[in-house]
Amino acid sequence: RTPLVEAQIADQARTHGISEDEVVTKIMLTPVAVK
């Protein structure tokens, strides 16, 4: 949870055309077991 990651969430949302919440749940946390 850093400013870099927060900016990345916004970038990913624009790139994939999805919401920022979806970036966290569907992209960032998908490969990890600890959600």
ModelCIF file with pLDDT and N, C-alpha, C, O atoms, coordinates in Angstrom:
data_MODEL
#
_entry.id   MODEL 
#
_entity.id                         1 
_entity.type                       polymer 
_entity.pdbx_number_of_molecules   1 
#
_entity_poly.entity_id                      1 
_entity_poly.type                           'polypeptide(L)' 
_entity_poly.nstd_linkage                   no 
_entity_poly.nstd_monomer                   no 
_entity_poly.pdbx_seq_one_letter_code       RTPLVEAQIADQARTHGISEDEVVTKIMLTPVAVK 
_entity_poly.pdbx_seq_one_letter_code_can   RTPLVEAQIADQARTHGISEDEVVTKIMLTPVAVK 
_entity_poly.pdbx_strand_id                 A 
#
loop_
_entity_poly_seq.entity_id 
_entity_poly_seq.num 
_entity_poly_seq.mon_id 
_entity_poly_seq.hetero 
1 1  ARG n 
1 2  THR n 
1 3  PRO n 
1 4  LEU n 
1 5  VAL n 
1 6  GLU n 
1 7  ALA n 
1 8  GLN n 
1 9  ILE n 
1 10 ALA n 
1 11 ASP n 
1 12 GLN n 
1 13 ALA n 
1 14 ARG n 
1 15 THR n 
1 16 HIS n 
1 17 GLY n 
1 18 ILE n 
1 19 SER n 
1 20 GLU n 
1 21 ASP n 
1 22 GLU n 
1 23 VAL n 
1 24 VAL n 
1 25 THR n 
1 26 LYS n 
1 27 ILE n 
1 28 MET n 
1 29 LEU n 
1 30 THR n 
1 31 PRO n 
1 32 VAL n 
1 33 ALA n 
1 34 VAL n 
1 35 LYS n 
#
_struct_asym.id          A 
_struct_asym.entity_id   1 
#
loop_
_ma_qa_metric.id 
_ma_qa_metric.mode 
_ma_qa_metric.name 
_ma_qa_metric.software_group_id 
_ma_qa_metric.type 
1 global pLDDT . pLDDT 
2 local  pLDDT . pLDDT 
#
_ma_qa_metric_global.metric_id      1 
_ma_qa_metric_global.metric_value   88.43 
_ma_qa_metric_global.model_id       1 
_ma_qa_metric_global.ordinal_id     1 
#
loop_
_ma_qa_metric_local.label_asym_id 
_ma_qa_metric_local.label_comp_id 
_ma_qa_metric_local.label_seq_id 
_ma_qa_metric_local.metric_id 
_ma_qa_metric_local.metric_value 
_ma_qa_metric_local.model_id 
_ma_qa_metric_local.ordinal_id 
A ARG 1  2 90.00 1 1  
A THR 2  2 90.00 1 2  
A PRO 3  2 86.00 1 3  
A LEU 4  2 82.00 1 4  
A VAL 5  2 87.00 1 5  
A GLU 6  2 85.00 1 6  
A ALA 7  2 84.00 1 7  
A GLN 8  2 80.00 1 8  
A ILE 9  2 87.00 1 9  
A ALA 10 2 85.00 1 10 
A ASP 11 2 80.00 1 11 
A GLN 12 2 80.00 1 12 
A ALA 13 2 88.00 1 13 
A ARG 14 2 86.00 1 14 
A THR 15 2 79.00 1 15 
A HIS 16 2 84.00 1 16 
A GLY 17 2 91.00 1 17 
A ILE 18 2 93.00 1 18 
A SER 19 2 94.00 1 19 
A GLU 20 2 91.00 1 20 
A ASP 21 2 90.00 1 21 
A GLU 22 2 91.00 1 22 
A VAL 23 2 90.00 1 23 
A VAL 24 2 89.00 1 24 
A THR 25 2 90.00 1 25 
A LYS 26 2 86.00 1 26 
A ILE 27 2 87.00 1 27 
A MET 28 2 90.00 1 28 
A LEU 29 2 92.00 1 29 
A THR 30 2 93.00 1 30 
A PRO 31 2 94.00 1 31 
A VAL 32 2 95.00 1 32 
A ALA 33 2 96.00 1 33 
A VAL 34 2 96.00 1 34 
A LYS 35 2 94.00 1 35 
#
loop_
_atom_site.group_PDB 
_atom_site.id 
_atom_site.type_symbol 
_atom_site.label_atom_id 
_atom_site.label_alt_id 
_atom_site.label_comp_id 
_atom_site.label_asym_id 
_atom_site.label_entity_id 
_atom_site.label_seq_id 
_atom_site.pdbx_PDB_ins_code 
_atom_site.Cartn_x 
_atom_site.Cartn_y 
_atom_site.Cartn_z 
_atom_site.occupancy 
_atom_site.B_iso_or_equiv 
_atom_site.pdbx_formal_charge 
_atom_site.auth_seq_id 
_atom_site.auth_comp_id 
_atom_site.auth_asym_id 
_atom_site.auth_atom_id 
_atom_site.pdbx_PDB_model_num 
ATOM 1   N N  . ARG A 1 1  ? 0.845   -1.193  0.000   1.00 90.00 ? 1  ARG A N  1 
ATOM 2   C CA . ARG A 1 1  ? 0.000   0.000   0.000   1.00 90.00 ? 1  ARG A CA 1 
ATOM 3   C C  . ARG A 1 1  ? 0.887   1.252   0.000   1.00 90.00 ? 1  ARG A C  1 
ATOM 4   O O  . ARG A 1 1  ? 1.197   1.803   1.056   1.00 90.00 ? 1  ARG A O  1 
ATOM 5   N N  . THR A 1 2  ? 1.290   1.692   -1.195  1.00 90.00 ? 2  THR A N  1 
ATOM 6   C CA . THR A 1 2  ? 2.175   2.840   -1.368  1.00 90.00 ? 2  THR A CA 1 
ATOM 7   C C  . THR A 1 2  ? 1.599   3.773   -2.424  1.00 90.00 ? 2  THR A C  1 
ATOM 8   O O  . THR A 1 2  ? 0.706   3.374   -3.171  1.00 90.00 ? 2  THR A O  1 
ATOM 9   N N  . PRO A 1 3  ? 2.092   5.015   -2.502  1.00 86.00 ? 3  PRO A N  1 
ATOM 10  C CA . PRO A 1 3  ? 1.649   5.917   -3.574  1.00 86.00 ? 3  PRO A CA 1 
ATOM 11  C C  . PRO A 1 3  ? 1.916   5.345   -4.964  1.00 86.00 ? 3  PRO A C  1 
ATOM 12  O O  . PRO A 1 3  ? 1.127   5.569   -5.881  1.00 86.00 ? 3  PRO A O  1 
ATOM 13  N N  . LEU A 1 4  ? 3.034   4.598   -5.136  1.00 82.00 ? 4  LEU A N  1 
ATOM 14  C CA . LEU A 1 4  ? 3.330   4.005   -6.435  1.00 82.00 ? 4  LEU A CA 1 
ATOM 15  C C  . LEU A 1 4  ? 2.239   3.021   -6.838  1.00 82.00 ? 4  LEU A C  1 
ATOM 16  O O  . LEU A 1 4  ? 1.797   3.018   -7.987  1.00 82.00 ? 4  LEU A O  1 
ATOM 17  N N  . VAL A 1 5  ? 1.806   2.190   -5.902  1.00 87.00 ? 5  VAL A N  1 
ATOM 18  C CA . VAL A 1 5  ? 0.766   1.204   -6.198  1.00 87.00 ? 5  VAL A CA 1 
ATOM 19  C C  . VAL A 1 5  ? -0.568  1.894   -6.442  1.00 87.00 ? 5  VAL A C  1 
ATOM 20  O O  . VAL A 1 5  ? -1.326  1.485   -7.322  1.00 87.00 ? 5  VAL A O  1 
ATOM 21  N N  . GLU A 1 6  ? -0.859  2.928   -5.678  1.00 85.00 ? 6  GLU A N  1 
ATOM 22  C CA . GLU A 1 6  ? -2.106  3.649   -5.894  1.00 85.00 ? 6  GLU A CA 1 
ATOM 23  C C  . GLU A 1 6  ? -2.155  4.261   -7.291  1.00 85.00 ? 6  GLU A C  1 
ATOM 24  O O  . GLU A 1 6  ? -3.197  4.255   -7.945  1.00 85.00 ? 6  GLU A O  1 
ATOM 25  N N  . ALA A 1 7  ? -1.004  4.792   -7.746  1.00 84.00 ? 7  ALA A N  1 
ATOM 26  C CA . ALA A 1 7  ? -0.948  5.331   -9.114  1.00 84.00 ? 7  ALA A CA 1 
ATOM 27  C C  . ALA A 1 7  ? -1.076  4.218   -10.140 1.00 84.00 ? 7  ALA A C  1 
ATOM 28  O O  . ALA A 1 7  ? -1.691  4.398   -11.191 1.00 84.00 ? 7  ALA A O  1 
ATOM 29  N N  . GLN A 1 8  ? -0.489  3.064   -9.827  1.00 80.00 ? 8  GLN A N  1 
ATOM 30  C CA . GLN A 1 8  ? -0.561  1.938   -10.739 1.00 80.00 ? 8  GLN A CA 1 
ATOM 31  C C  . GLN A 1 8  ? -1.998  1.433   -10.881 1.00 80.00 ? 8  GLN A C  1 
ATOM 32  O O  . GLN A 1 8  ? -2.416  1.031   -11.968 1.00 80.00 ? 8  GLN A O  1 
ATOM 33  N N  . ILE A 1 9  ? -2.740  1.455   -9.793  1.00 87.00 ? 9  ILE A N  1 
ATOM 34  C CA . ILE A 1 9  ? -4.142  1.041   -9.853  1.00 87.00 ? 9  ILE A CA 1 
ATOM 35  C C  . ILE A 1 9  ? -4.893  1.899   -10.871 1.00 87.00 ? 9  ILE A C  1 
ATOM 36  O O  . ILE A 1 9  ? -5.673  1.390   -11.676 1.00 87.00 ? 9  ILE A O  1 
ATOM 37  N N  . ALA A 1 10 ? -4.645  3.199   -10.819 1.00 85.00 ? 10 ALA A N  1 
ATOM 38  C CA . ALA A 1 10 ? -5.308  4.104   -11.763 1.00 85.00 ? 10 ALA A CA 1 
ATOM 39  C C  . ALA A 1 10 ? -4.863  3.819   -13.197 1.00 85.00 ? 10 ALA A C  1 
ATOM 40  O O  . ALA A 1 10 ? -5.687  3.809   -14.113 1.00 85.00 ? 10 ALA A O  1 
ATOM 41  N N  . ASP A 1 11 ? -3.544  3.585   -13.398 1.00 80.00 ? 11 ASP A N  1 
ATOM 42  C CA . ASP A 1 11 ? -3.042  3.274   -14.737 1.00 80.00 ? 11 ASP A CA 1 
ATOM 43  C C  . ASP A 1 11 ? -3.663  1.989   -15.290 1.00 80.00 ? 11 ASP A C  1 
ATOM 44  O O  . ASP A 1 11 ? -4.076  1.931   -16.448 1.00 80.00 ? 11 ASP A O  1 
ATOM 45  N N  . GLN A 1 12 ? -3.718  0.967   -14.444 1.00 80.00 ? 12 GLN A N  1 
ATOM 46  C CA . GLN A 1 12 ? -4.281  -0.318  -14.871 1.00 80.00 ? 12 GLN A CA 1 
ATOM 47  C C  . GLN A 1 12 ? -5.764  -0.176  -15.208 1.00 80.00 ? 12 GLN A C  1 
ATOM 48  O O  . GLN A 1 12 ? -6.252  -0.788  -16.158 1.00 80.00 ? 12 GLN A O  1 
ATOM 49  N N  . ALA A 1 13 ? -6.471  0.627   -14.432 1.00 88.00 ? 13 ALA A N  1 
ATOM 50  C CA . ALA A 1 13 ? -7.893  0.837   -14.707 1.00 88.00 ? 13 ALA A CA 1 
ATOM 51  C C  . ALA A 1 13 ? -8.088  1.448   -16.084 1.00 88.00 ? 13 ALA A C  1 
ATOM 52  O O  . ALA A 1 13 ? -8.982  1.048   -16.830 1.00 88.00 ? 13 ALA A O  1 
ATOM 53  N N  . ARG A 1 14 ? -7.231  2.436   -16.423 1.00 86.00 ? 14 ARG A N  1 
ATOM 54  C CA . ARG A 1 14 ? -7.330  3.046   -17.747 1.00 86.00 ? 14 ARG A CA 1 
ATOM 55  C C  . ARG A 1 14 ? -6.949  2.053   -18.847 1.00 86.00 ? 14 ARG A C  1 
ATOM 56  O O  . ARG A 1 14 ? -7.620  1.976   -19.876 1.00 86.00 ? 14 ARG A O  1 
ATOM 57  N N  . THR A 1 15 ? -5.870  1.293   -18.626 1.00 79.00 ? 15 THR A N  1 
ATOM 58  C CA . THR A 1 15 ? -5.393  0.350   -19.639 1.00 79.00 ? 15 THR A CA 1 
ATOM 59  C C  . THR A 1 15 ? -6.421  -0.737  -19.929 1.00 79.00 ? 15 THR A C  1 
ATOM 60  O O  . THR A 1 15 ? -6.625  -1.107  -21.086 1.00 79.00 ? 15 THR A O  1 
ATOM 61  N N  . HIS A 1 16 ? -7.065  -1.248  -18.890 1.00 84.00 ? 16 HIS A N  1 
ATOM 62  C CA . HIS A 1 16 ? -7.979  -2.381  -19.043 1.00 84.00 ? 16 HIS A CA 1 
ATOM 63  C C  . HIS A 1 16 ? -9.440  -1.961  -19.178 1.00 84.00 ? 16 HIS A C  1 
ATOM 64  O O  . HIS A 1 16 ? -10.301 -2.785  -19.483 1.00 84.00 ? 16 HIS A O  1 
ATOM 65  N N  . GLY A 1 17 ? -9.714  -0.681  -18.951 1.00 91.00 ? 17 GLY A N  1 
ATOM 66  C CA . GLY A 1 17 ? -11.091 -0.212  -19.054 1.00 91.00 ? 17 GLY A CA 1 
ATOM 67  C C  . GLY A 1 17 ? -11.993 -0.765  -17.967 1.00 91.00 ? 17 GLY A C  1 
ATOM 68  O O  . GLY A 1 17 ? -13.157 -1.074  -18.222 1.00 91.00 ? 17 GLY A O  1 
ATOM 69  N N  . ILE A 1 18 ? -11.462 -0.895  -16.746 1.00 93.00 ? 18 ILE A N  1 
ATOM 70  C CA . ILE A 1 18 ? -12.239 -1.390  -15.615 1.00 93.00 ? 18 ILE A CA 1 
ATOM 71  C C  . ILE A 1 18 ? -12.098 -0.421  -14.443 1.00 93.00 ? 18 ILE A C  1 
ATOM 72  O O  . ILE A 1 18 ? -11.317 0.529   -14.501 1.00 93.00 ? 18 ILE A O  1 
ATOM 73  N N  . SER A 1 19 ? -12.859 -0.671  -13.385 1.00 94.00 ? 19 SER A N  1 
ATOM 74  C CA . SER A 1 19 ? -12.792 0.221   -12.230 1.00 94.00 ? 19 SER A CA 1 
ATOM 75  C C  . SER A 1 19 ? -11.534 -0.058  -11.410 1.00 94.00 ? 19 SER A C  1 
ATOM 76  O O  . SER A 1 19 ? -10.902 -1.104  -11.556 1.00 94.00 ? 19 SER A O  1 
ATOM 77  N N  . GLU A 1 20 ? -11.183 0.891   -10.550 1.00 91.00 ? 20 GLU A N  1 
ATOM 78  C CA . GLU A 1 20 ? -9.998  0.718   -9.704  1.00 91.00 ? 20 GLU A CA 1 
ATOM 79  C C  . GLU A 1 20 ? -10.189 -0.428  -8.707  1.00 91.00 ? 20 GLU A C  1 
ATOM 80  O O  . GLU A 1 20 ? -9.243  -1.159  -8.416  1.00 91.00 ? 20 GLU A O  1 
ATOM 81  N N  . ASP A 1 21 ? -11.412 -0.586  -8.182  1.00 90.00 ? 21 ASP A N  1 
ATOM 82  C CA . ASP A 1 21 ? -11.667 -1.714  -7.274  1.00 90.00 ? 21 ASP A CA 1 
ATOM 83  C C  . ASP A 1 21 ? -11.452 -3.039  -7.991  1.00 90.00 ? 21 ASP A C  1 
ATOM 84  O O  . ASP A 1 21 ? -10.923 -3.984  -7.405  1.00 90.00 ? 21 ASP A O  1 
ATOM 85  N N  . GLU A 1 22 ? -11.856 -3.112  -9.245  1.00 91.00 ? 22 GLU A N  1 
ATOM 86  C CA . GLU A 1 22 ? -11.671 -4.345  -10.011 1.00 91.00 ? 22 GLU A CA 1 
ATOM 87  C C  . GLU A 1 22 ? -10.191 -4.618  -10.283 1.00 91.00 ? 22 GLU A C  1 
ATOM 88  O O  . GLU A 1 22 ? -9.772  -5.774  -10.347 1.00 91.00 ? 22 GLU A O  1 
ATOM 89  N N  . VAL A 1 23 ? -9.401  -3.553  -10.441 1.00 90.00 ? 23 VAL A N  1 
ATOM 90  C CA . VAL A 1 23 ? -7.956  -3.737  -10.629 1.00 90.00 ? 23 VAL A CA 1 
ATOM 91  C C  . VAL A 1 23 ? -7.373  -4.465  -9.421  1.00 90.00 ? 23 VAL A C  1 
ATOM 92  O O  . VAL A 1 23 ? -6.598  -5.410  -9.572  1.00 90.00 ? 23 VAL A O  1 
ATOM 93  N N  . VAL A 1 24 ? -7.749  -4.022  -8.223  1.00 89.00 ? 24 VAL A N  1 
ATOM 94  C CA . VAL A 1 24 ? -7.209  -4.637  -7.003  1.00 89.00 ? 24 VAL A CA 1 
ATOM 95  C C  . VAL A 1 24 ? -7.657  -6.082  -6.892  1.00 89.00 ? 24 VAL A C  1 
ATOM 96  O O  . VAL A 1 24 ? -6.834  -6.968  -6.663  1.00 89.00 ? 24 VAL A O  1 
ATOM 97  N N  . THR A 1 25 ? -8.946  -6.335  -7.051  1.00 90.00 ? 25 THR A N  1 
ATOM 98  C CA . THR A 1 25 ? -9.463  -7.686  -6.796  1.00 90.00 ? 25 THR A CA 1 
ATOM 99  C C  . THR A 1 25 ? -9.219  -8.656  -7.948  1.00 90.00 ? 25 THR A C  1 
ATOM 100 O O  . THR A 1 25 ? -8.966  -9.838  -7.717  1.00 90.00 ? 25 THR A O  1 
ATOM 101 N N  . LYS A 1 26 ? -9.292  -8.162  -9.198  1.00 86.00 ? 26 LYS A N  1 
ATOM 102 C CA . LYS A 1 26 ? -9.217  -9.067  -10.342 1.00 86.00 ? 26 LYS A CA 1 
ATOM 103 C C  . LYS A 1 26 ? -7.829  -9.178  -10.956 1.00 86.00 ? 26 LYS A C  1 
ATOM 104 O O  . LYS A 1 26 ? -7.545  -10.137 -11.673 1.00 86.00 ? 26 LYS A O  1 
ATOM 105 N N  . ILE A 1 27 ? -6.951  -8.193  -10.680 1.00 87.00 ? 27 ILE A N  1 
ATOM 106 C CA . ILE A 1 27 ? -5.607  -8.228  -11.271 1.00 87.00 ? 27 ILE A CA 1 
ATOM 107 C C  . ILE A 1 27 ? -4.551  -8.364  -10.182 1.00 87.00 ? 27 ILE A C  1 
ATOM 108 O O  . ILE A 1 27 ? -3.782  -9.326  -10.186 1.00 87.00 ? 27 ILE A O  1 
ATOM 109 N N  . MET A 1 28 ? -4.501  -7.420  -9.255  1.00 90.00 ? 28 MET A N  1 
ATOM 110 C CA . MET A 1 28 ? -3.412  -7.407  -8.274  1.00 90.00 ? 28 MET A CA 1 
ATOM 111 C C  . MET A 1 28 ? -3.462  -8.587  -7.316  1.00 90.00 ? 28 MET A C  1 
ATOM 112 O O  . MET A 1 28 ? -2.433  -9.199  -7.030  1.00 90.00 ? 28 MET A O  1 
ATOM 113 N N  . LEU A 1 29 ? -4.646  -8.912  -6.820  1.00 92.00 ? 29 LEU A N  1 
ATOM 114 C CA . LEU A 1 29 ? -4.742  -9.951  -5.805  1.00 92.00 ? 29 LEU A CA 1 
ATOM 115 C C  . LEU A 1 29 ? -5.021  -11.342 -6.373  1.00 92.00 ? 29 LEU A C  1 
ATOM 116 O O  . LEU A 1 29 ? -5.070  -12.316 -5.622  1.00 92.00 ? 29 LEU A O  1 
ATOM 117 N N  . THR A 1 30 ? -5.200  -11.444 -7.668  1.00 93.00 ? 30 THR A N  1 
ATOM 118 C CA . THR A 1 30 ? -5.471  -12.756 -8.263  1.00 93.00 ? 30 THR A CA 1 
ATOM 119 C C  . THR A 1 30 ? -4.349  -13.760 -8.031  1.00 93.00 ? 30 THR A C  1 
ATOM 120 O O  . THR A 1 30 ? -4.641  -14.900 -7.670  1.00 93.00 ? 30 THR A O  1 
ATOM 121 N N  . PRO A 1 31 ? -3.052  -13.389 -8.222  1.00 94.00 ? 31 PRO A N  1 
ATOM 122 C CA . PRO A 1 31 ? -2.011  -14.411 -8.079  1.00 94.00 ? 31 PRO A CA 1 
ATOM 123 C C  . PRO A 1 31 ? -1.600  -14.719 -6.645  1.00 94.00 ? 31 PRO A C  1 
ATOM 124 O O  . PRO A 1 31 ? -0.826  -15.649 -6.421  1.00 94.00 ? 31 PRO A O  1 
ATOM 125 N N  . VAL A 1 32 ? -2.100  -13.957 -5.661  1.00 95.00 ? 32 VAL A N  1 
ATOM 126 C CA . VAL A 1 32 ? -1.655  -14.158 -4.282  1.00 95.00 ? 32 VAL A CA 1 
ATOM 127 C C  . VAL A 1 32 ? -2.690  -14.947 -3.505  1.00 95.00 ? 32 VAL A C  1 
ATOM 128 O O  . VAL A 1 32 ? -3.886  -14.885 -3.788  1.00 95.00 ? 32 VAL A O  1 
ATOM 129 N N  . ALA A 1 33 ? -2.198  -15.704 -2.501  1.00 96.00 ? 33 ALA A N  1 
ATOM 130 C CA . ALA A 1 33 ? -3.102  -16.478 -1.649  1.00 96.00 ? 33 ALA A CA 1 
ATOM 131 C C  . ALA A 1 33 ? -3.654  -15.623 -0.517  1.00 96.00 ? 33 ALA A C  1 
ATOM 132 O O  . ALA A 1 33 ? -4.800  -15.798 -0.102  1.00 96.00 ? 33 ALA A O  1 
ATOM 133 N N  . VAL A 1 34 ? -2.827  -14.687 -0.014  1.00 96.00 ? 34 VAL A N  1 
ATOM 134 C CA . VAL A 1 34 ? -3.263  -13.786 1.056   1.00 96.00 ? 34 VAL A CA 1 
ATOM 135 C C  . VAL A 1 34 ? -3.894  -12.561 0.394   1.00 96.00 ? 34 VAL A C  1 
ATOM 136 O O  . VAL A 1 34 ? -3.190  -11.730 -0.179  1.00 96.00 ? 34 VAL A O  1 
ATOM 137 N N  . LYS A 1 35 ? -5.183  -12.454 0.471   1.00 94.00 ? 35 LYS A N  1 
ATOM 138 C CA . LYS A 1 35 ? -5.928  -11.483 -0.335  1.00 94.00 ? 35 LYS A CA 1 
ATOM 139 C C  . LYS A 1 35 ? -6.003  -10.107 0.319   1.00 94.00 ? 35 LYS A C  1 
ATOM 140 O O  . LYS A 1 35 ? -6.599  -9.188  -0.243  1.00 94.00 ? 35 LYS A O  1 
#
